Protein backbone atom coordinates (compact mmCIF):
# COMPACT_ATOMS: atom_id res chain seq x y z
CA PHE A 1 0.18 -0.04 -0.10
CA THR A 2 1.43 3.24 -0.97
CA TYR A 3 0.90 6.57 -0.15
CA ASP A 4 2.59 9.76 -1.85
CA ASP A 5 5.05 9.88 1.04
CA GLY A 6 6.80 6.80 -0.41
CA LYS A 7 5.75 5.05 2.04
CA HIS A 8 4.65 1.12 1.63
CA TYR A 9 5.39 -0.91 4.88
CA TRP A 10 2.83 -0.43 7.43
CA LEU A 11 3.77 -2.44 10.98
CA THR A 12 1.05 -3.07 13.60
CA PRO A 13 1.57 -0.66 16.56
CA PRO A 14 3.62 -2.81 19.32
CA GLU A 15 0.76 -1.92 21.84
CA LEU A 16 -2.10 -3.29 19.47
CA TYR A 17 0.32 -6.72 18.82
CA ALA A 18 1.11 -7.21 22.71
CA GLN A 19 -2.74 -6.78 23.48
CA LEU A 20 -3.49 -9.81 20.35
CA ASP A 21 -0.46 -11.60 21.71
CA ALA A 22 -1.56 -11.95 25.24
CA GLU A 23 -4.87 -12.97 24.25
CA PHE A 24 -3.82 -15.17 21.47
CA GLY A 25 -0.27 -16.57 22.17
CA PHE A 26 1.36 -16.39 18.58
CA ASP A 27 3.87 -18.21 17.39
CA PHE A 28 3.93 -17.47 13.82
CA ASP A 29 3.44 -14.63 11.71
CA PRO A 30 2.91 -15.57 7.48
CA ALA A 31 3.46 -11.98 6.63
CA PRO A 32 6.80 -10.65 8.53
CA PHE A 33 8.76 -7.47 8.13
CA PRO A 34 11.31 -7.58 6.89
CA LEU A 35 10.41 -10.59 4.43
CA PRO A 36 13.12 -13.47 4.95
CA ASP A 37 15.00 -14.58 1.51
CA ASP A 38 12.98 -17.34 -0.21
CA PHE A 39 10.07 -16.63 2.24
CA ASP A 40 6.48 -17.03 1.27
CA GLY A 41 3.61 -17.27 3.71
CA LEU A 42 1.08 -18.06 1.02
CA THR A 43 2.74 -21.48 0.47
CA ALA A 44 4.52 -21.82 4.21
CA GLU A 45 3.35 -23.93 6.41
CA TRP A 46 1.56 -21.72 9.35
CA GLY A 47 1.95 -22.13 12.89
CA GLN A 48 -0.51 -23.34 15.85
CA SER A 49 -1.43 -19.75 16.56
CA ASN A 50 -0.70 -17.15 13.81
CA TYR A 51 -1.09 -13.40 13.35
CA VAL A 52 -1.36 -12.04 10.10
CA ASN A 53 -1.25 -8.43 8.55
CA PRO A 54 -1.14 -9.27 5.35
CA PRO A 55 -0.70 -6.87 2.44
CA PHE A 56 -3.55 -4.15 1.98
CA GLY A 57 -2.71 -4.20 -1.67
CA ALA A 58 -2.41 -6.49 -4.31
CA ILE A 59 1.14 -8.30 -4.33
CA LEU A 60 3.07 -10.61 -7.32
CA HIS A 61 2.92 -14.07 -6.03
CA GLU A 62 4.12 -16.62 -8.61
CA GLY A 63 3.43 -14.56 -11.47
CA LYS A 64 0.12 -13.31 -10.47
CA ARG A 65 -1.70 -10.27 -8.56
CA ARG A 66 -2.94 -11.69 -5.51
CA GLY A 67 -4.68 -10.05 -2.59
CA ALA A 68 -6.87 -10.29 0.45
CA THR A 69 -8.79 -13.14 -1.14
CA ALA A 70 -5.54 -15.31 -1.11
CA TRP A 71 -4.34 -14.91 2.40
CA VAL A 72 -8.16 -15.40 3.22
CA ARG A 73 -7.84 -18.51 1.60
CA LYS A 74 -4.81 -19.63 3.35
CA ALA A 75 -6.07 -18.43 6.61
CA ILE A 76 -9.28 -20.58 6.22
CA ALA A 77 -7.21 -23.54 4.71
CA GLU A 78 -4.82 -23.27 7.80
CA ASN A 79 -7.49 -22.71 10.12
CA ALA A 80 -9.20 -26.31 9.04
CA LYS A 81 -5.95 -27.89 10.00
CA GLY A 82 -6.99 -26.68 13.66
CA LYS A 83 -5.16 -23.64 13.96
CA ARG A 84 -6.00 -20.43 14.96
CA VAL A 85 -5.55 -17.56 12.81
CA VAL A 86 -6.01 -13.90 13.72
CA LEU A 87 -6.27 -11.81 10.57
CA VAL A 88 -6.23 -8.17 10.85
CA TYR A 89 -7.30 -6.36 7.57
CA PRO A 90 -9.13 -2.37 7.01
CA ILE A 91 -12.57 -2.92 6.07
CA ASP A 92 -15.28 0.23 6.33
CA LYS A 93 -16.60 1.03 9.72
CA TRP A 94 -20.51 0.62 8.82
CA ILE A 95 -19.52 -3.46 8.57
CA LEU A 96 -18.59 -3.82 11.81
CA MET A 97 -21.36 -1.39 13.36
CA LEU A 98 -23.43 -4.08 11.51
CA LEU A 99 -22.09 -7.08 13.22
CA LYS A 100 -21.95 -5.94 16.52
CA ALA A 101 -25.58 -4.95 16.28
CA GLY A 102 -25.94 -8.86 15.50
CA ALA A 103 -26.52 -8.71 11.85
CA GLN A 104 -26.75 -12.08 9.86
CA VAL A 105 -24.99 -12.29 6.99
CA ARG A 106 -25.46 -13.74 3.51
CA ASN A 107 -23.67 -13.57 0.12
CA LEU A 108 -25.78 -12.92 -2.74
CA GLY A 109 -22.67 -13.69 -5.65
CA ASP A 110 -22.05 -11.36 -7.99
CA VAL A 111 -25.49 -9.87 -8.78
CA LYS A 112 -26.34 -8.62 -12.25
CA TRP A 113 -28.18 -5.74 -11.34
CA LEU A 114 -31.00 -4.30 -13.63
CA ALA A 115 -30.58 -1.07 -15.97
CA THR A 116 -33.54 1.36 -14.99
CA GLU A 117 -33.49 2.57 -18.60
CA ASP A 118 -34.70 -0.79 -19.88
CA GLY A 119 -34.59 -3.74 -16.98
CA THR A 120 -31.77 -5.51 -18.35
CA PRO A 121 -29.28 -7.26 -16.55
CA GLY A 122 -25.99 -5.62 -16.33
CA ASN A 123 -22.73 -7.55 -16.38
CA GLY A 124 -22.52 -7.45 -12.51
CA THR A 125 -19.74 -5.70 -10.52
CA GLY A 126 -17.13 -8.53 -10.38
CA ARG A 127 -17.55 -8.52 -6.54
CA HIS A 128 -19.67 -10.72 -4.31
CA ILE A 129 -22.74 -8.94 -2.71
CA ALA A 130 -23.25 -8.86 0.87
CA CYS A 131 -26.92 -9.13 2.53
CA PHE A 132 -26.98 -7.76 6.01
CA VAL A 133 -30.20 -8.48 7.99
CA LEU A 134 -30.99 -7.23 11.26
CA GLU A 135 -34.01 -8.82 12.53
CA PRO A 136 -36.01 -7.24 15.39
CA LYS A 137 -34.85 -8.21 19.06
CA GLU A 138 -37.57 -9.51 20.82
CA GLN A 139 -39.25 -7.45 23.79
CA ILE A 140 -38.89 -8.04 27.12
């Protein structure tokens, strides 16, 4: 992630890492800085308790551009092996607000929205659409 200040590596603040480490006891970082020679967090075997602060933008990996989805796929695969994964990644605040409020989340896929002019379906956005459902709370 590059700003016009020329900086492109952003490390986790030590206080935040210490707080999370105290709770989860990390033993591996698949996205370390500096990156050791010949190390690849997307193909390496991860530890039992992993702290993942992946690149916020796309990287070139094995000749292809890879972004957050590649890291999430790897995190899910490592978790399926019985490992803990704590992955941090920027998202919009409104998503966190909905989750905190108890929203259920559904994946609607890449919706082919209809044109207002003639009702014909578009090509989709190339991104999946999340459906957030807030059910009424039971009144006491």
